[in-house]
PDB file of all heavy atoms in Angstrom:
ATOM      1  N   ILE A   1       4.141 -10.598  32.117  1.00  0.00           N
ATOM      2  CA  ILE A   1       3.056 -11.296  32.791  1.00  0.00           C
ATOM      3  C   ILE A   1       2.003 -11.710  31.779  1.00  0.00           C
ATOM      4  O   ILE A   1       1.602 -10.903  30.924  1.00  0.00           O
ATOM      5  CB  ILE A   1       2.414 -10.399  33.866  1.00  0.00           C
ATOM      6  CG1 ILE A   1       3.477 -10.011  34.891  1.00  0.00           C
ATOM      7  CG2 ILE A   1       1.242 -11.095  34.533  1.00  0.00           C
ATOM      8  CD1 ILE A   1       3.025  -8.994  35.912  1.00  0.00           C
ATOM      9  N   MET A   2       1.588 -12.947  31.855  1.00  0.00           N
ATOM     10  CA  MET A   2       0.551 -13.468  30.988  1.00  0.00           C
ATOM     11  C   MET A   2      -0.737 -13.656  31.784  1.00  0.00           C
ATOM     12  O   MET A   2      -0.710 -14.232  32.882  1.00  0.00           O
ATOM     13  CB  MET A   2       0.976 -14.826  30.397  1.00  0.00           C
ATOM     14  CG  MET A   2      -0.090 -15.424  29.492  1.00  0.00           C
ATOM     15  SD  MET A   2       0.386 -17.002  28.767  1.00  0.00           S
ATOM     16  CE  MET A   2       0.025 -18.087  30.136  1.00  0.00           C
ATOM     17  N   HIS A   3      -1.820 -13.173  31.239  1.00  0.00           N
ATOM     18  CA  HIS A   3      -3.148 -13.412  31.811  1.00  0.00           C
ATOM     19  C   HIS A   3      -3.874 -14.371  30.882  1.00  0.00           C
ATOM     20  O   HIS A   3      -4.165 -14.040  29.739  1.00  0.00           O
ATOM     21  CB  HIS A   3      -3.949 -12.087  31.925  1.00  0.00           C
ATOM     22  CG  HIS A   3      -3.339 -11.129  32.864  1.00  0.00           C
ATOM     23  ND1 HIS A   3      -3.694 -11.054  34.189  1.00  0.00           N
ATOM     24  CD2 HIS A   3      -2.396 -10.187  32.704  1.00  0.00           C
ATOM     25  CE1 HIS A   3      -3.002 -10.129  34.813  1.00  0.00           C
ATOM     26  NE2 HIS A   3      -2.183  -9.575  33.916  1.00  0.00           N
ATOM     27  N   GLY A   4      -4.108 -15.586  31.360  1.00  0.00           N
ATOM     28  CA  GLY A   4      -4.756 -16.598  30.525  1.00  0.00           C
ATOM     29  C   GLY A   4      -6.265 -16.574  30.697  1.00  0.00           C
ATOM     30  O   GLY A   4      -6.822 -15.882  31.546  1.00  0.00           O
ATOM     31  N   TRP A   5      -6.933 -17.357  29.866  1.00  0.00           N
ATOM     32  CA  TRP A   5      -8.380 -17.437  29.906  1.00  0.00           C
ATOM     33  C   TRP A   5      -8.774 -18.909  29.890  1.00  0.00           C
ATOM     34  O   TRP A   5      -8.449 -19.641  28.974  1.00  0.00           O
ATOM     35  CB  TRP A   5      -8.958 -16.726  28.677  1.00  0.00           C
ATOM     36  CG  TRP A   5     -10.425 -16.514  28.721  1.00  0.00           C
ATOM     37  CD1 TRP A   5     -11.371 -17.127  27.943  1.00  0.00           C
ATOM     38  CD2 TRP A   5     -11.147 -15.632  29.581  1.00  0.00           C
ATOM     39  NE1 TRP A   5     -12.622 -16.672  28.261  1.00  0.00           N
ATOM     40  CE2 TRP A   5     -12.516 -15.748  29.292  1.00  0.00           C
ATOM     41  CE3 TRP A   5     -10.770 -14.773  30.604  1.00  0.00           C
ATOM     42  CZ2 TRP A   5     -13.513 -15.043  29.924  1.00  0.00           C
ATOM     43  CZ3 TRP A   5     -11.752 -14.044  31.253  1.00  0.00           C
ATOM     44  CH2 TRP A   5     -13.098 -14.195  30.919  1.00  0.00           C
ATOM     45  N   ALA A   6      -9.434 -19.358  30.959  1.00  0.00           N
ATOM     46  CA  ALA A   6      -9.842 -20.763  31.086  1.00  0.00           C
ATOM     47  C   ALA A   6     -11.281 -20.903  30.594  1.00  0.00           C
ATOM     48  O   ALA A   6     -12.170 -20.252  31.114  1.00  0.00           O
ATOM     49  CB  ALA A   6      -9.738 -21.204  32.543  1.00  0.00           C
ATOM     50  N   THR A   7     -11.483 -21.734  29.590  1.00  0.00           N
ATOM     51  CA  THR A   7     -12.830 -22.039  29.108  1.00  0.00           C
ATOM     52  C   THR A   7     -13.122 -23.502  29.395  1.00  0.00           C
ATOM     53  O   THR A   7     -12.263 -24.351  29.191  1.00  0.00           O
ATOM     54  CB  THR A   7     -12.974 -21.782  27.608  1.00  0.00           C
ATOM     55  OG1 THR A   7     -12.036 -22.578  26.911  1.00  0.00           O
ATOM     56  CG2 THR A   7     -12.732 -20.327  27.266  1.00  0.00           C
ATOM     57  N   ILE A   8     -14.307 -23.796  29.887  1.00  0.00           N
ATOM     58  CA  ILE A   8     -14.599 -25.168  30.274  1.00  0.00           C
ATOM     59  C   ILE A   8     -15.943 -25.656  29.749  1.00  0.00           C
ATOM     60  O   ILE A   8     -16.282 -26.804  29.977  1.00  0.00           O
ATOM     61  CB  ILE A   8     -14.592 -25.311  31.802  1.00  0.00           C
ATOM     62  CG1 ILE A   8     -15.631 -24.382  32.425  1.00  0.00           C
ATOM     63  CG2 ILE A   8     -13.231 -25.064  32.381  1.00  0.00           C
ATOM     64  CD1 ILE A   8     -16.363 -24.990  33.538  1.00  0.00           C
ATOM     65  N   GLY A   9     -16.699 -24.825  29.101  1.00  0.00           N
ATOM     66  CA  GLY A   9     -18.040 -25.228  28.709  1.00  0.00           C
ATOM     67  C   GLY A   9     -18.991 -25.106  29.905  1.00  0.00           C
ATOM     68  O   GLY A   9     -18.672 -24.461  30.894  1.00  0.00           O
ATOM     69  N   THR A  10     -20.134 -25.690  29.814  1.00  0.00           N
ATOM     70  CA  THR A  10     -21.124 -25.583  30.890  1.00  0.00           C
ATOM     71  C   THR A  10     -20.754 -26.498  32.046  1.00  0.00           C
ATOM     72  O   THR A  10     -20.646 -27.707  31.862  1.00  0.00           O
ATOM     73  CB  THR A  10     -22.513 -25.957  30.379  1.00  0.00           C
ATOM     74  OG1 THR A  10     -22.815 -25.127  29.241  1.00  0.00           O
ATOM     75  CG2 THR A  10     -23.556 -25.746  31.453  1.00  0.00           C
ATOM     76  N   PRO A  11     -20.510 -25.923  33.234  1.00  0.00           N
ATOM     77  CA  PRO A  11     -20.143 -26.773  34.379  1.00  0.00           C
ATOM     78  C   PRO A  11     -21.364 -27.479  34.957  1.00  0.00           C
ATOM     79  O   PRO A  11     -22.488 -26.993  34.853  1.00  0.00           O
ATOM     80  CB  PRO A  11     -19.590 -25.763  35.378  1.00  0.00           C
ATOM     81  CG  PRO A  11     -20.291 -24.491  35.058  1.00  0.00           C
ATOM     82  CD  PRO A  11     -20.540 -24.517  33.576  1.00  0.00           C
ATOM     83  N   PRO A  12     -21.131 -28.630  35.585  1.00  0.00           N
ATOM     84  CA  PRO A  12     -22.250 -29.311  36.237  1.00  0.00           C
ATOM     85  C   PRO A  12     -22.622 -28.556  37.510  1.00  0.00           C
ATOM     86  O   PRO A  12     -21.798 -27.827  38.074  1.00  0.00           O
ATOM     87  CB  PRO A  12     -21.664 -30.676  36.592  1.00  0.00           C
ATOM     88  CG  PRO A  12     -20.207 -30.437  36.730  1.00  0.00           C
ATOM     89  CD  PRO A  12     -19.894 -29.356  35.736  1.00  0.00           C
ATOM     90  N   PRO A  13     -23.864 -28.686  37.999  1.00  0.00           N
ATOM     91  CA  PRO A  13     -24.199 -28.036  39.258  1.00  0.00           C
ATOM     92  C   PRO A  13     -23.483 -28.717  40.411  1.00  0.00           C
ATOM     93  O   PRO A  13     -23.572 -29.945  40.571  1.00  0.00           O
ATOM     94  CB  PRO A  13     -25.719 -28.213  39.351  1.00  0.00           C
ATOM     95  CG  PRO A  13     -26.049 -29.359  38.436  1.00  0.00           C
ATOM     96  CD  PRO A  13     -24.962 -29.403  37.396  1.00  0.00           C
ATOM     97  N   VAL A  14     -22.712 -27.948  41.158  1.00  0.00           N
ATOM     98  CA  VAL A  14     -21.954 -28.463  42.299  1.00  0.00           C
ATOM     99  C   VAL A  14     -22.202 -27.524  43.474  1.00  0.00           C
ATOM    100  O   VAL A  14     -22.066 -26.312  43.348  1.00  0.00           O
ATOM    101  CB  VAL A  14     -20.446 -28.557  41.999  1.00  0.00           C
ATOM    102  CG1 VAL A  14     -19.678 -28.981  43.238  1.00  0.00           C
ATOM    103  CG2 VAL A  14     -20.198 -29.526  40.854  1.00  0.00           C
ATOM    104  N   SER A  15     -22.555 -28.086  44.602  1.00  0.00           N
ATOM    105  CA  SER A  15     -22.782 -27.311  45.800  1.00  0.00           C
ATOM    106  C   SER A  15     -21.559 -26.474  46.137  1.00  0.00           C
ATOM    107  O   SER A  15     -20.446 -26.974  46.168  1.00  0.00           O
ATOM    108  CB  SER A  15     -23.114 -28.253  46.970  1.00  0.00           C
ATOM    109  OG  SER A  15     -23.231 -27.519  48.156  1.00  0.00           O
ATOM    110  N   GLY A  16     -21.745 -25.193  46.369  1.00  0.00           N
ATOM    111  CA  GLY A  16     -20.653 -24.311  46.757  1.00  0.00           C
ATOM    112  C   GLY A  16     -19.893 -23.686  45.607  1.00  0.00           C
ATOM    113  O   GLY A  16     -19.005 -22.877  45.820  1.00  0.00           O
ATOM    114  N   VAL A  17     -20.172 -24.092  44.366  1.00  0.00           N
ATOM    115  CA  VAL A  17     -19.490 -23.528  43.205  1.00  0.00           C
ATOM    116  C   VAL A  17     -20.510 -22.760  42.380  1.00  0.00           C
ATOM    117  O   VAL A  17     -21.439 -23.365  41.836  1.00  0.00           O
ATOM    118  CB  VAL A  17     -18.813 -24.622  42.327  1.00  0.00           C
ATOM    119  CG1 VAL A  17     -18.139 -23.988  41.123  1.00  0.00           C
ATOM    120  CG2 VAL A  17     -17.829 -25.417  43.149  1.00  0.00           C
ATOM    121  N   PRO A  18     -20.386 -21.438  42.292  1.00  0.00           N
ATOM    122  CA  PRO A  18     -21.352 -20.685  41.480  1.00  0.00           C
ATOM    123  C   PRO A  18     -21.206 -21.009  40.006  1.00  0.00           C
ATOM    124  O   PRO A  18     -20.157 -21.456  39.557  1.00  0.00           O
ATOM    125  CB  PRO A  18     -20.987 -19.231  41.765  1.00  0.00           C
ATOM    126  CG  PRO A  18     -19.583 -19.263  42.236  1.00  0.00           C
ATOM    127  CD  PRO A  18     -19.352 -20.617  42.885  1.00  0.00           C
ATOM    128  N   TYR A  19     -22.301 -20.799  39.245  1.00  0.00           N
ATOM    129  CA  TYR A  19     -22.288 -21.065  37.821  1.00  0.00           C
ATOM    130  C   TYR A  19     -21.296 -20.138  37.118  1.00  0.00           C
ATOM    131  O   TYR A  19     -21.239 -18.947  37.385  1.00  0.00           O
ATOM    132  CB  TYR A  19     -23.672 -20.850  37.232  1.00  0.00           C
ATOM    133  CG  TYR A  19     -23.697 -21.036  35.743  1.00  0.00           C
ATOM    134  CD1 TYR A  19     -23.781 -22.315  35.200  1.00  0.00           C
ATOM    135  CD2 TYR A  19     -23.566 -19.955  34.887  1.00  0.00           C
ATOM    136  CE1 TYR A  19     -23.773 -22.508  33.837  1.00  0.00           C
ATOM    137  CE2 TYR A  19     -23.546 -20.149  33.507  1.00  0.00           C
ATOM    138  CZ  TYR A  19     -23.655 -21.407  33.003  1.00  0.00           C
ATOM    139  OH  TYR A  19     -23.624 -21.625  31.644  1.00  0.00           O
ATOM    140  N   TRP A  20     -20.495 -20.707  36.237  1.00  0.00           N
ATOM    141  CA  TRP A  20     -19.584 -19.922  35.401  1.00  0.00           C
ATOM    142  C   TRP A  20     -19.150 -20.806  34.229  1.00  0.00           C
ATOM    143  O   TRP A  20     -19.220 -22.009  34.299  1.00  0.00           O
ATOM    144  CB  TRP A  20     -18.379 -19.416  36.179  1.00  0.00           C
ATOM    145  CG  TRP A  20     -17.504 -20.538  36.703  1.00  0.00           C
ATOM    146  CD1 TRP A  20     -17.748 -21.321  37.783  1.00  0.00           C
ATOM    147  CD2 TRP A  20     -16.310 -21.026  36.110  1.00  0.00           C
ATOM    148  NE1 TRP A  20     -16.760 -22.270  37.918  1.00  0.00           N
ATOM    149  CE2 TRP A  20     -15.849 -22.109  36.895  1.00  0.00           C
ATOM    150  CE3 TRP A  20     -15.571 -20.662  35.000  1.00  0.00           C
ATOM    151  CZ2 TRP A  20     -14.717 -22.812  36.617  1.00  0.00           C
ATOM    152  CZ3 TRP A  20     -14.408 -21.367  34.727  1.00  0.00           C
ATOM    153  CH2 TRP A  20     -13.986 -22.434  35.535  1.00  0.00           C
ATOM    154  N   GLU A  21     -18.706 -20.189  33.158  1.00  0.00           N
ATOM    155  CA  GLU A  21     -18.222 -20.932  31.993  1.00  0.00           C
ATOM    156  C   GLU A  21     -16.797 -20.606  31.636  1.00  0.00           C
ATOM    157  O   GLU A  21     -16.144 -21.378  30.999  1.00  0.00           O
ATOM    158  CB  GLU A  21     -19.139 -20.676  30.776  1.00  0.00           C
ATOM    159  CG  GLU A  21     -20.473 -21.364  30.887  1.00  0.00           C
ATOM    160  CD  GLU A  21     -21.273 -21.266  29.602  1.00  0.00           C
ATOM    161  OE1 GLU A  21     -20.671 -21.007  28.539  1.00  0.00           O
ATOM    162  OE2 GLU A  21     -22.487 -21.444  29.662  1.00  0.00           O
ATOM    163  N   GLN A  22     -16.337 -19.415  32.031  1.00  0.00           N
ATOM    164  CA  GLN A  22     -14.993 -18.975  31.668  1.00  0.00           C
ATOM    165  C   GLN A  22     -14.467 -18.090  32.800  1.00  0.00           C
ATOM    166  O   GLN A  22     -15.230 -17.488  33.536  1.00  0.00           O
ATOM    167  CB  GLN A  22     -15.012 -18.183  30.365  1.00  0.00           C
ATOM    168  CG  GLN A  22     -15.570 -18.989  29.212  1.00  0.00           C
ATOM    169  CD  GLN A  22     -15.618 -18.188  27.940  1.00  0.00           C
ATOM    170  OE1 GLN A  22     -14.786 -17.326  27.683  1.00  0.00           O
ATOM    171  NE2 GLN A  22     -16.634 -18.459  27.119  1.00  0.00           N
ATOM    172  N   ALA A  23     -13.135 -18.027  32.896  1.00  0.00           N
ATOM    173  CA  ALA A  23     -12.514 -17.209  33.942  1.00  0.00           C
ATOM    174  C   ALA A  23     -11.057 -16.937  33.587  1.00  0.00           C
ATOM    175  O   ALA A  23     -10.470 -17.677  32.771  1.00  0.00           O
ATOM    176  CB  ALA A  23     -12.589 -17.899  35.290  1.00  0.00           C
ATOM    177  N   HIS A  24     -10.488 -15.927  34.184  1.00  0.00           N
ATOM    178  CA  HIS A  24      -9.057 -15.683  34.033  1.00  0.00           C
ATOM    179  C   HIS A  24      -8.290 -16.737  34.828  1.00  0.00           C
ATOM    180  O   HIS A  24      -8.709 -17.153  35.907  1.00  0.00           O
ATOM    181  CB  HIS A  24      -8.657 -14.306  34.586  1.00  0.00           C
ATOM    182  CG  HIS A  24      -8.948 -13.191  33.645  1.00  0.00           C
ATOM    183  ND1 HIS A  24      -8.069 -12.836  32.637  1.00  0.00           N
ATOM    184  CD2 HIS A  24     -10.008 -12.370  33.528  1.00  0.00           C
ATOM    185  CE1 HIS A  24      -8.588 -11.839  31.952  1.00  0.00           C
ATOM    186  NE2 HIS A  24      -9.763 -11.530  32.473  1.00  0.00           N
TER     187      HIS A  24
END
């Protein structure tokens, strides 16, 4: 099993999406 890491930089403010920059 591989657990990846998604990096996206600073996300734009979008209604309903909490602030985050990285996630599994």
